[in-house]
C-alpha atoms as a PDB file:
ATOM      1  CA  MET A   1     109.706 109.036 110.792  1.00  0.00           C
ATOM      2  CA  ASP A   2     107.318 106.846 112.752  1.00  0.00           C
ATOM      3  CA  LEU A   3     103.994 108.570 112.182  1.00  0.00           C
ATOM      4  CA  ALA A   4     102.490 106.520 115.015  1.00  0.00           C
ATOM      5  CA  GLN A   5     105.125 108.008 117.371  1.00  0.00           C
ATOM      6  CA  ARG A   6     105.867 104.778 119.213  1.00  0.00           C
ATOM      7  CA  GLY A   7     109.405 105.712 120.261  1.00  0.00           C
ATOM      8  CA  ALA A   8     109.968 106.832 123.835  1.00  0.00           C
ATOM      9  CA  SER A   9     112.074 109.758 122.599  1.00  0.00           C
ATOM     10  CA  TYR A  10     108.877 111.471 121.388  1.00  0.00           C
ATOM     11  CA  ARG A  11     107.979 111.839 125.048  1.00  0.00           C
ATOM     12  CA  SER A  12     111.356 111.956 126.786  1.00  0.00           C
ATOM     13  CA  ASN A  13     113.287 114.417 124.587  1.00  0.00           C
ATOM     14  CA  ALA A  14     112.452 118.113 124.645  1.00  0.00           C
ATOM     15  CA  ASP A  15     112.704 118.628 120.873  1.00  0.00           C
ATOM     16  CA  PRO A  16     111.556 122.206 120.151  1.00  0.00           C
ATOM     17  CA  PHE A  17     110.536 121.352 116.575  1.00  0.00           C
ATOM     18  CA  PHE A  18     109.428 117.733 116.234  1.00  0.00           C
ATOM     19  CA  HIS A  19     107.070 117.423 119.175  1.00  0.00           C
ATOM     20  CA  LYS A  20     103.882 115.371 119.396  1.00  0.00           C
ATOM     21  CA  ASP A  21     101.423 118.083 118.322  1.00  0.00           C
ATOM     22  CA  LEU A  22     103.444 118.972 115.231  1.00  0.00           C
ATOM     23  CA  VAL A  23     103.925 115.325 114.227  1.00  0.00           C
ATOM     24  CA  ASP A  24     100.207 114.644 114.752  1.00  0.00           C
ATOM     25  CA  GLY A  25      99.417 117.436 112.277  1.00  0.00           C
ATOM     26  CA  LEU A  26     102.037 116.332 109.763  1.00  0.00           C
ATOM     27  CA  ALA A  27     100.886 112.721 109.993  1.00  0.00           C
ATOM     28  CA  ALA A  28      97.226 113.624 109.488  1.00  0.00           C
ATOM     29  CA  GLY A  29      98.064 115.673 106.406  1.00  0.00           C
ATOM     30  CA  PHE A  30     100.219 112.916 104.936  1.00  0.00           C
ATOM     31  CA  LEU A  31      98.093 109.909 105.845  1.00  0.00           C
ATOM     32  CA  GLY A  32      94.581 111.046 105.079  1.00  0.00           C
ATOM     33  CA  PRO A  33      92.401 108.008 105.859  1.00  0.00           C
ATOM     34  CA  ALA A  34      95.372 105.564 105.872  1.00  0.00           C
ATOM     35  CA  SER A  35      96.808 104.086 109.053  1.00  0.00           C
ATOM     36  CA  ALA A  36     100.206 105.193 110.368  1.00  0.00           C
ATOM     37  CA  THR A  37     101.060 101.537 110.923  1.00  0.00           C
ATOM     38  CA  ASP A  38     100.213 100.374 107.367  1.00  0.00           C
ATOM     39  CA  PRO A  39     103.305  98.443 106.131  1.00  0.00           C
ATOM     40  CA  GLY A  40     103.105 100.380 102.867  1.00  0.00           C
ATOM     41  CA  ILE A  41     103.700 103.575 104.844  1.00  0.00           C
ATOM     42  CA  ASP A  42     105.486 102.537 108.029  1.00  0.00           C
ATOM     43  CA  LEU A  43     109.191 101.784 107.492  1.00  0.00           C
ATOM     44  CA  LEU A  44     109.265 100.105 110.881  1.00  0.00           C
ATOM     45  CA  GLN A  45     106.933  97.399 109.539  1.00  0.00           C
ATOM     46  CA  ALA A  46     107.656  97.487 105.799  1.00  0.00           C
ATOM     47  CA  ASP A  47     109.694  94.960 103.837  1.00  0.00           C
ATOM     48  CA  LEU A  48     113.039  96.726 103.483  1.00  0.00           C
ATOM     49  CA  THR A  49     114.481  94.134 101.115  1.00  0.00           C
ATOM     50  CA  GLY A  50     116.262  95.753  98.210  1.00  0.00           C
ATOM     51  CA  LEU A  51     116.757  99.173  99.728  1.00  0.00           C
ATOM     52  CA  PRO A  52     120.139 100.696  98.953  1.00  0.00           C
ATOM     53  CA  PRO A  53     122.668 101.245 101.737  1.00  0.00           C
ATOM     54  CA  MET A  54     121.707 104.102 104.035  1.00  0.00           C
ATOM     55  CA  LEU A  55     123.406 106.299 106.571  1.00  0.00           C
ATOM     56  CA  ILE A  56     121.072 107.396 109.331  1.00  0.00           C
ATOM     57  CA  GLN A  57     122.167 110.409 111.373  1.00  0.00           C
ATOM     58  CA  ALA A  58     120.206 111.619 114.376  1.00  0.00           C
ATOM     59  CA  GLY A  59     120.623 114.078 117.186  1.00  0.00           C
ATOM     60  CA  GLY A  60     120.712 112.397 120.564  1.00  0.00           C
ATOM     61  CA  ASP A  61     118.197 114.879 121.974  1.00  0.00           C
ATOM     62  CA  GLU A  62     115.695 114.826 119.125  1.00  0.00           C
ATOM     63  CA  ALA A  63     112.264 113.242 119.219  1.00  0.00           C
ATOM     64  CA  LEU A  64     113.118 111.074 116.203  1.00  0.00           C
ATOM     65  CA  VAL A  65     116.201 109.389 117.656  1.00  0.00           C
ATOM     66  CA  ASP A  66     114.279 106.245 118.627  1.00  0.00           C
ATOM     67  CA  ASP A  67     112.828 106.106 115.090  1.00  0.00           C
ATOM     68  CA  SER A  68     116.387 106.209 113.767  1.00  0.00           C
ATOM     69  CA  ARG A  69     117.483 103.403 116.064  1.00  0.00           C
ATOM     70  CA  ALA A  70     114.470 101.276 115.120  1.00  0.00           C
ATOM     71  CA  LEU A  71     115.013 101.800 111.388  1.00  0.00           C
ATOM     72  CA  HIS A  72     118.676 100.887 111.763  1.00  0.00           C
ATOM     73  CA  ALA A  73     117.749  97.719 113.666  1.00  0.00           C
ATOM     74  CA  ARG A  74     115.277  96.725 110.938  1.00  0.00           C
ATOM     75  CA  ALA A  75     117.617  97.539 108.043  1.00  0.00           C
ATOM     76  CA  GLY A  76     120.527  95.714 109.665  1.00  0.00           C
ATOM     77  CA  ALA A  77     123.721  95.532 107.610  1.00  0.00           C
ATOM     78  CA  ALA A  78     122.171  97.734 104.910  1.00  0.00           C
ATOM     79  CA  SER A  79     122.414 100.719 107.241  1.00  0.00           C
ATOM     80  CA  ASP A  80     124.818 102.652 109.405  1.00  0.00           C
ATOM     81  CA  LEU A  81     123.678 104.773 112.339  1.00  0.00           C
ATOM     82  CA  GLU A  82     125.337 107.790 113.909  1.00  0.00           C
ATOM     83  CA  VAL A  83     123.792 109.462 116.946  1.00  0.00           C
ATOM     84  CA  PHE A  84     125.242 112.838 117.910  1.00  0.00           C
ATOM     85  CA  PRO A  85     124.760 113.440 121.658  1.00  0.00           C
ATOM     86  CA  GLY A  86     123.159 116.718 122.687  1.00  0.00           C
ATOM     87  CA  GLN A  87     121.927 117.554 119.181  1.00  0.00           C
ATOM     88  CA  GLN A  88     118.418 118.390 118.005  1.00  0.00           C
ATOM     89  CA  HIS A  89     116.599 117.562 114.767  1.00  0.00           C
ATOM     90  CA  THR A  90     118.382 118.759 111.585  1.00  0.00           C
ATOM     91  CA  PHE A  91     121.445 119.948 113.503  1.00  0.00           C
ATOM     92  CA  GLN A  92     123.423 119.326 110.288  1.00  0.00           C
ATOM     93  CA  MET A  93     121.937 122.548 108.884  1.00  0.00           C
ATOM     94  CA  ALA A  94     124.387 124.416 111.125  1.00  0.00           C
ATOM     95  CA  ALA A  95     127.322 123.174 109.023  1.00  0.00           C
ATOM     96  CA  GLY A  96     129.844 125.960 108.682  1.00  0.00           C
ATOM     97  CA  THR A  97     128.941 127.361 112.093  1.00  0.00           C
ATOM     98  CA  THR A  98     129.279 124.438 114.526  1.00  0.00           C
ATOM     99  CA  GLY A  99     131.907 121.755 114.749  1.00  0.00           C
ATOM    100  CA  VAL A 100     129.444 118.933 115.366  1.00  0.00           C
ATOM    101  CA  ALA A 101     127.427 119.816 112.257  1.00  0.00           C
ATOM    102  CA  ASP A 102     130.629 120.039 110.223  1.00  0.00           C
ATOM    103  CA  GLN A 103     131.635 116.608 111.515  1.00  0.00           C
ATOM    104  CA  ALA A 104     128.267 115.100 110.586  1.00  0.00           C
ATOM    105  CA  VAL A 105     128.540 116.432 107.028  1.00  0.00           C
ATOM    106  CA  GLN A 106     132.138 115.192 106.757  1.00  0.00           C
ATOM    107  CA  ASN A 107     131.048 111.778 108.039  1.00  0.00           C
ATOM    108  CA  PHE A 108     128.315 111.639 105.412  1.00  0.00           C
ATOM    109  CA  ALA A 109     130.742 112.623 102.650  1.00  0.00           C
ATOM    110  CA  GLY A 110     133.156 109.914 103.757  1.00  0.00           C
ATOM    111  CA  TRP A 111     130.343 107.376 103.892  1.00  0.00           C
ATOM    112  CA  VAL A 112     128.797 108.209 100.507  1.00  0.00           C
ATOM    113  CA  ARG A 113     131.996 108.501  98.421  1.00  0.00           C
ATOM    114  CA  PRO A 114     132.673 104.752  98.174  1.00  0.00           C
ATOM    115  CA  HIS A 115     129.012 104.111  97.363  1.00  0.00           C
ATOM    116  CA  LEU A 116     129.048 106.674  94.567  1.00  0.00           C
ATOM    117  CA  ALA A 117     132.387 105.452  93.249  1.00  0.00           C
ATOM    118  CA  SER A 118     130.844 102.034  92.575  1.00  0.00           C
ATOM    119  CA  ARG A 119     128.033 103.546  90.452  1.00  0.00           C
ATOM    120  CA  SER A 120     128.162 104.960  86.965  1.00  0.00           C
ATOM    121  CA  PHE A 121     126.098 108.015  86.213  1.00  0.00           C
ATOM    122  CA  SER A 122     125.348 109.259  82.735  1.00  0.00           C
ATOM    123  CA  SER A 123     124.726 112.896  81.958  1.00  0.00           C
ATOM    124  CA  ALA A 124     121.654 113.842  79.972  1.00  0.00           C
END
């Protein structure tokens, strides 16, 4: 999430949850005296070298969709992006009740399986 809210989708999308006033409050609580554009905080300016592969899913109508696009552009080949038209923030929580949420969860499962298969995990 871009705590500086530079993406146009913060203003153009009518997201009922992640709107400017809410993000301002969340950012202030998280940042304290730090700047939202500090590279140690801001993924859109940080050095992303060494991050593991990531799947970024966003609703096409959410305020954070431009953040998702910008992160994907910065991460390049280390990331995959899926934008689900007409969906709001955290639409995946409706899995089991809507087809689009079910599809998003299935897409994630299909994406993560090969990544997990290449790792070994030990049980404690």
